[in-house]
């Protein structure tokens, strides 16, 4: 269901961006998703290749960007999971993080047979 192991102490998931940067995300049930400006949010869907980010953004993305709003609306009915993490105050850093996480797949995890 989630990318990487969930850290028991924090309840976070490690997600790797396109650049190779690791991010600690907190899982949120899609039904309980409340998008705010102080956090970055991801919505994932299950595909044949695994768990895929189908929307990433903030409240400002939904308010100010009609294409992001349309992607959000399309993503919600097929949402497998949602994640949140604190958003940096710097706009450039926030946009870079959103780009880095966009359309990324959860890496396959190994399980003992």
N, C-alpha and C. Protein backbone atom coordinates (compact mmCIF):
# COMPACT_ATOMS: atom_id res chain seq x y z
N UNK A 1 0.82 -1.19 0.00
CA UNK A 1 0.00 0.00 0.00
C UNK A 1 0.86 1.25 0.00
N UNK A 2 1.93 1.27 0.77
CA UNK A 2 2.75 2.47 0.89
C UNK A 2 4.14 2.22 0.32
N UNK A 3 4.78 3.31 -0.06
CA UNK A 3 6.15 3.21 -0.54
C UNK A 3 7.08 3.11 0.65
N UNK A 4 8.00 2.21 0.60
CA UNK A 4 8.98 2.10 1.66
C UNK A 4 8.35 1.70 2.97
N UNK A 5 9.17 1.42 3.96
CA UNK A 5 8.64 1.03 5.25
C UNK A 5 8.06 2.22 6.00
N UNK A 6 7.01 1.95 6.76
CA UNK A 6 6.46 2.99 7.62
C UNK A 6 7.30 2.99 8.89
N UNK A 7 7.77 4.15 9.27
CA UNK A 7 8.55 4.27 10.48
C UNK A 7 7.58 4.26 11.65
N UNK A 8 7.66 3.25 12.49
CA UNK A 8 6.70 3.06 13.57
C UNK A 8 6.65 4.26 14.53
N UNK A 9 7.81 4.82 14.82
CA UNK A 9 7.86 5.91 15.78
C UNK A 9 7.15 7.15 15.27
N UNK A 10 7.21 7.39 13.98
CA UNK A 10 6.64 8.63 13.45
C UNK A 10 5.42 8.41 12.57
N UNK A 11 5.19 7.16 12.13
CA UNK A 11 4.07 6.90 11.23
C UNK A 11 4.28 7.49 9.86
N UNK A 12 5.54 7.65 9.45
CA UNK A 12 5.83 8.25 8.15
C UNK A 12 6.25 7.20 7.14
N UNK A 13 6.16 7.58 5.88
CA UNK A 13 6.57 6.75 4.76
C UNK A 13 7.69 7.49 4.04
N UNK A 14 8.71 6.76 3.62
CA UNK A 14 9.80 7.37 2.87
C UNK A 14 9.46 7.25 1.38
N UNK A 15 9.42 8.39 0.70
CA UNK A 15 9.08 8.44 -0.72
C UNK A 15 10.25 9.07 -1.45
N UNK A 16 10.63 8.52 -2.59
CA UNK A 16 11.78 9.02 -3.34
C UNK A 16 11.29 9.81 -4.55
N UNK A 17 11.79 11.03 -4.69
CA UNK A 17 11.44 11.88 -5.82
C UNK A 17 12.24 11.53 -7.06
N UNK A 18 11.92 12.20 -8.17
CA UNK A 18 12.63 11.97 -9.43
C UNK A 18 14.12 12.21 -9.31
N UNK A 19 14.49 13.17 -8.45
CA UNK A 19 15.90 13.55 -8.30
C UNK A 19 16.67 12.58 -7.42
N UNK A 20 15.96 11.64 -6.77
CA UNK A 20 16.60 10.73 -5.82
C UNK A 20 16.50 11.21 -4.39
N UNK A 21 15.94 12.40 -4.18
CA UNK A 21 15.75 12.93 -2.84
C UNK A 21 14.68 12.13 -2.12
N UNK A 22 14.93 11.82 -0.85
CA UNK A 22 13.95 11.10 -0.03
C UNK A 22 13.11 12.10 0.77
N UNK A 23 11.82 11.83 0.83
CA UNK A 23 10.88 12.67 1.57
C UNK A 23 10.14 11.81 2.59
N UNK A 24 9.90 12.35 3.77
CA UNK A 24 9.11 11.66 4.79
C UNK A 24 7.69 12.20 4.71
N UNK A 25 6.76 11.31 4.39
CA UNK A 25 5.36 11.67 4.22
C UNK A 25 4.51 10.98 5.27
N UNK A 26 3.46 11.64 5.69
CA UNK A 26 2.51 11.07 6.63
C UNK A 26 1.28 10.60 5.87
N UNK A 27 0.93 9.31 5.95
CA UNK A 27 -0.26 8.83 5.25
C UNK A 27 -1.53 9.46 5.83
N UNK A 28 -2.48 9.73 4.94
CA UNK A 28 -3.78 10.29 5.30
C UNK A 28 -4.82 9.53 4.49
N UNK A 29 -5.90 9.13 5.11
CA UNK A 29 -6.97 8.48 4.36
C UNK A 29 -7.57 9.49 3.38
N UNK A 30 -7.73 9.13 2.11
CA UNK A 30 -8.29 10.08 1.15
C UNK A 30 -9.61 10.70 1.61
N UNK A 31 -10.43 9.93 2.31
CA UNK A 31 -11.71 10.45 2.80
C UNK A 31 -11.52 11.54 3.85
N UNK A 32 -10.37 11.55 4.52
CA UNK A 32 -10.09 12.54 5.56
C UNK A 32 -9.15 13.65 5.09
N UNK A 33 -8.90 13.72 3.80
CA UNK A 33 -7.95 14.69 3.26
C UNK A 33 -8.49 16.11 3.39
N UNK A 34 -7.71 16.96 4.03
CA UNK A 34 -8.04 18.38 4.17
C UNK A 34 -6.80 19.15 3.68
N UNK A 35 -6.85 19.65 2.46
CA UNK A 35 -5.70 20.31 1.84
C UNK A 35 -5.53 21.70 2.43
N UNK A 36 -4.35 21.97 2.95
CA UNK A 36 -4.03 23.26 3.55
C UNK A 36 -2.81 23.86 2.88
N UNK A 37 -2.56 25.12 3.14
CA UNK A 37 -1.44 25.82 2.52
C UNK A 37 -0.10 25.52 3.21
N UNK A 38 -0.12 25.04 4.43
CA UNK A 38 1.13 24.82 5.15
C UNK A 38 1.73 23.44 4.90
N UNK A 39 1.15 22.68 3.97
CA UNK A 39 1.64 21.33 3.70
C UNK A 39 1.57 21.03 2.21
N UNK A 40 2.40 20.08 1.80
CA UNK A 40 2.36 19.53 0.45
C UNK A 40 1.59 18.22 0.55
N UNK A 41 0.73 17.97 -0.40
CA UNK A 41 -0.10 16.77 -0.40
C UNK A 41 0.13 15.97 -1.67
N UNK A 42 0.05 14.66 -1.55
CA UNK A 42 0.11 13.75 -2.69
C UNK A 42 -1.13 12.87 -2.65
N UNK A 43 -1.66 12.56 -3.81
CA UNK A 43 -2.71 11.57 -3.94
C UNK A 43 -2.15 10.49 -4.86
N UNK A 44 -2.28 9.23 -4.43
CA UNK A 44 -1.77 8.13 -5.23
C UNK A 44 -2.91 7.23 -5.68
N UNK A 45 -2.65 6.53 -6.76
CA UNK A 45 -3.59 5.54 -7.29
C UNK A 45 -2.79 4.27 -7.57
N UNK A 46 -3.46 3.13 -7.50
CA UNK A 46 -2.81 1.87 -7.83
C UNK A 46 -2.87 1.67 -9.33
N UNK A 47 -1.72 1.34 -9.92
CA UNK A 47 -1.63 1.05 -11.35
C UNK A 47 -0.97 -0.32 -11.50
N UNK A 48 -0.86 -0.79 -12.71
CA UNK A 48 -0.19 -2.07 -12.96
C UNK A 48 1.27 -2.02 -12.51
N UNK A 49 1.86 -0.82 -12.51
CA UNK A 49 3.26 -0.66 -12.11
C UNK A 49 3.44 -0.41 -10.62
N UNK A 50 2.35 -0.20 -9.89
CA UNK A 50 2.43 0.06 -8.46
C UNK A 50 1.69 1.33 -8.08
N UNK A 51 2.03 1.87 -6.93
CA UNK A 51 1.39 3.08 -6.40
C UNK A 51 2.01 4.30 -7.08
N UNK A 52 1.19 5.08 -7.77
CA UNK A 52 1.64 6.20 -8.59
C UNK A 52 1.05 7.51 -8.06
N UNK A 53 1.89 8.55 -7.96
CA UNK A 53 1.40 9.87 -7.60
C UNK A 53 0.60 10.42 -8.79
N UNK A 54 -0.68 10.69 -8.57
CA UNK A 54 -1.54 11.21 -9.63
C UNK A 54 -1.89 12.68 -9.42
N UNK A 55 -1.59 13.22 -8.23
CA UNK A 55 -1.74 14.65 -7.98
C UNK A 55 -0.82 15.02 -6.84
N UNK A 56 -0.17 16.17 -6.97
CA UNK A 56 0.63 16.73 -5.87
C UNK A 56 0.37 18.22 -5.86
N UNK A 57 0.24 18.79 -4.66
CA UNK A 57 -0.01 20.22 -4.58
C UNK A 57 -0.30 20.69 -3.17
N UNK A 58 -0.76 21.94 -3.11
CA UNK A 58 -1.13 22.60 -1.87
C UNK A 58 -2.51 23.23 -2.07
N UNK A 59 -3.01 23.86 -1.04
CA UNK A 59 -4.29 24.56 -1.18
C UNK A 59 -4.20 25.63 -2.26
N UNK A 60 -3.05 26.31 -2.34
CA UNK A 60 -2.88 27.35 -3.36
C UNK A 60 -2.93 26.77 -4.76
N UNK A 61 -2.45 25.54 -4.92
CA UNK A 61 -2.54 24.87 -6.23
C UNK A 61 -3.99 24.73 -6.65
N UNK A 62 -4.84 24.36 -5.70
CA UNK A 62 -6.26 24.18 -6.00
C UNK A 62 -6.97 25.50 -6.25
N UNK A 63 -6.58 26.53 -5.52
CA UNK A 63 -7.22 27.84 -5.65
C UNK A 63 -6.78 28.56 -6.92
N UNK A 64 -5.47 28.54 -7.17
CA UNK A 64 -4.94 29.39 -8.23
C UNK A 64 -4.66 28.73 -9.57
N UNK A 65 -4.78 27.41 -9.66
CA UNK A 65 -4.40 26.72 -10.88
C UNK A 65 -5.53 25.80 -11.35
N UNK A 66 -6.31 26.23 -12.35
CA UNK A 66 -7.44 25.40 -12.82
C UNK A 66 -7.02 24.00 -13.27
N UNK A 67 -5.84 23.85 -13.87
CA UNK A 67 -5.42 22.52 -14.32
C UNK A 67 -5.12 21.61 -13.12
N UNK A 68 -4.54 22.17 -12.07
CA UNK A 68 -4.28 21.40 -10.85
C UNK A 68 -5.60 20.98 -10.21
N UNK A 69 -6.55 21.88 -10.20
CA UNK A 69 -7.88 21.60 -9.64
C UNK A 69 -8.54 20.46 -10.41
N UNK A 70 -8.43 20.47 -11.74
CA UNK A 70 -9.01 19.42 -12.58
C UNK A 70 -8.32 18.08 -12.31
N UNK A 71 -7.00 18.08 -12.17
CA UNK A 71 -6.27 16.86 -11.85
C UNK A 71 -6.68 16.31 -10.48
N UNK A 72 -6.86 17.21 -9.52
CA UNK A 72 -7.29 16.81 -8.18
C UNK A 72 -8.66 16.14 -8.23
N UNK A 73 -9.57 16.74 -8.95
CA UNK A 73 -10.93 16.17 -9.08
C UNK A 73 -10.89 14.80 -9.75
N UNK A 74 -10.04 14.63 -10.74
CA UNK A 74 -9.93 13.35 -11.43
C UNK A 74 -9.23 12.30 -10.55
N UNK A 75 -8.32 12.74 -9.69
CA UNK A 75 -7.56 11.83 -8.84
C UNK A 75 -8.38 11.28 -7.67
N UNK A 76 -9.24 12.09 -7.11
CA UNK A 76 -9.95 11.68 -5.89
C UNK A 76 -10.78 10.41 -6.03
N UNK A 77 -11.53 10.20 -7.11
CA UNK A 77 -12.32 8.97 -7.19
C UNK A 77 -11.48 7.68 -7.25
N UNK A 78 -10.25 7.79 -7.73
CA UNK A 78 -9.41 6.59 -7.82
C UNK A 78 -8.28 6.59 -6.78
N UNK A 79 -8.38 7.47 -5.79
CA UNK A 79 -7.33 7.59 -4.78
C UNK A 79 -7.17 6.30 -3.98
N UNK A 80 -5.94 5.84 -3.92
CA UNK A 80 -5.59 4.69 -3.10
C UNK A 80 -5.17 5.17 -1.71
N UNK A 81 -4.37 6.21 -1.70
CA UNK A 81 -3.87 6.79 -0.45
C UNK A 81 -3.53 8.25 -0.70
N UNK A 82 -3.44 9.00 0.38
CA UNK A 82 -2.99 10.38 0.31
C UNK A 82 -1.88 10.54 1.34
N UNK A 83 -1.03 11.51 1.10
CA UNK A 83 0.10 11.77 1.99
C UNK A 83 0.25 13.27 2.18
N UNK A 84 0.85 13.66 3.31
CA UNK A 84 1.14 15.06 3.56
C UNK A 84 2.53 15.19 4.15
N UNK A 85 3.12 16.36 3.93
CA UNK A 85 4.39 16.71 4.57
C UNK A 85 4.44 18.22 4.68
N UNK A 86 5.18 18.74 5.64
CA UNK A 86 5.26 20.19 5.79
C UNK A 86 5.79 20.84 4.51
N UNK A 87 5.24 21.99 4.20
CA UNK A 87 5.65 22.73 3.01
C UNK A 87 6.70 23.77 3.39
N UNK A 88 7.77 23.88 2.61
CA UNK A 88 8.74 24.94 2.88
C UNK A 88 8.10 26.30 2.60
N UNK A 89 8.57 27.33 3.28
CA UNK A 89 8.05 28.68 3.08
C UNK A 89 8.49 29.25 1.75
N UNK A 90 9.69 28.87 1.30
CA UNK A 90 10.23 29.38 0.05
C UNK A 90 9.44 28.80 -1.14
N UNK A 91 8.88 29.67 -1.97
CA UNK A 91 8.04 29.25 -3.09
C UNK A 91 8.82 28.39 -4.08
N UNK A 92 10.04 28.78 -4.40
CA UNK A 92 10.83 28.02 -5.35
C UNK A 92 11.13 26.62 -4.83
N UNK A 93 11.47 26.52 -3.56
CA UNK A 93 11.73 25.21 -2.95
C UNK A 93 10.47 24.35 -2.96
N UNK A 94 9.33 24.95 -2.66
CA UNK A 94 8.05 24.21 -2.65
C UNK A 94 7.72 23.70 -4.06
N UNK A 95 7.86 24.56 -5.06
CA UNK A 95 7.56 24.15 -6.44
C UNK A 95 8.53 23.06 -6.92
N UNK A 96 9.78 23.15 -6.50
CA UNK A 96 10.77 22.13 -6.86
C UNK A 96 10.39 20.80 -6.24
N UNK A 97 9.96 20.81 -4.98
CA UNK A 97 9.54 19.57 -4.32
C UNK A 97 8.31 18.98 -5.02
N UNK A 98 7.36 19.82 -5.39
CA UNK A 98 6.17 19.32 -6.08
C UNK A 98 6.54 18.68 -7.41
N UNK A 99 7.43 19.33 -8.16
CA UNK A 99 7.88 18.76 -9.43
C UNK A 99 8.59 17.43 -9.18
N UNK A 100 9.42 17.38 -8.16
CA UNK A 100 10.21 16.19 -7.87
C UNK A 100 9.32 14.99 -7.52
N UNK A 101 8.20 15.23 -6.88
CA UNK A 101 7.30 14.15 -6.45
C UNK A 101 6.25 13.79 -7.50
N UNK A 102 6.01 14.68 -8.43
CA UNK A 102 4.98 14.48 -9.45
C UNK A 102 5.23 13.21 -10.26
N UNK A 103 4.18 12.40 -10.40
CA UNK A 103 4.20 11.19 -11.23
C UNK A 103 5.25 10.17 -10.84
N UNK A 104 5.66 10.15 -9.57
CA UNK A 104 6.63 9.15 -9.14
C UNK A 104 5.91 7.88 -8.69
N UNK A 105 6.59 6.77 -8.81
CA UNK A 105 6.07 5.47 -8.40
C UNK A 105 6.72 5.03 -7.11
N UNK A 106 5.95 4.33 -6.32
CA UNK A 106 6.52 3.70 -5.13
C UNK A 106 7.44 2.59 -5.60
N UNK A 107 8.66 2.53 -5.09
CA UNK A 107 9.52 1.42 -5.51
C UNK A 107 8.99 0.11 -4.93
N UNK A 108 9.22 -0.93 -5.63
CA UNK A 108 8.78 -2.24 -5.16
C UNK A 108 9.57 -2.60 -3.91
N UNK A 109 8.87 -3.09 -2.91
CA UNK A 109 9.54 -3.50 -1.69
C UNK A 109 9.71 -5.01 -1.72
N UNK A 110 10.78 -5.47 -1.13
CA UNK A 110 11.05 -6.91 -1.10
C UNK A 110 10.39 -7.51 0.14
N UNK A 111 9.81 -8.67 -0.06
CA UNK A 111 9.19 -9.40 1.03
C UNK A 111 9.75 -10.81 1.07
N UNK A 112 10.01 -11.32 2.24
CA UNK A 112 10.49 -12.69 2.36
C UNK A 112 9.37 -13.64 1.97
N UNK A 113 9.73 -14.67 1.25
CA UNK A 113 8.71 -15.63 0.82
C UNK A 113 8.57 -16.75 1.82
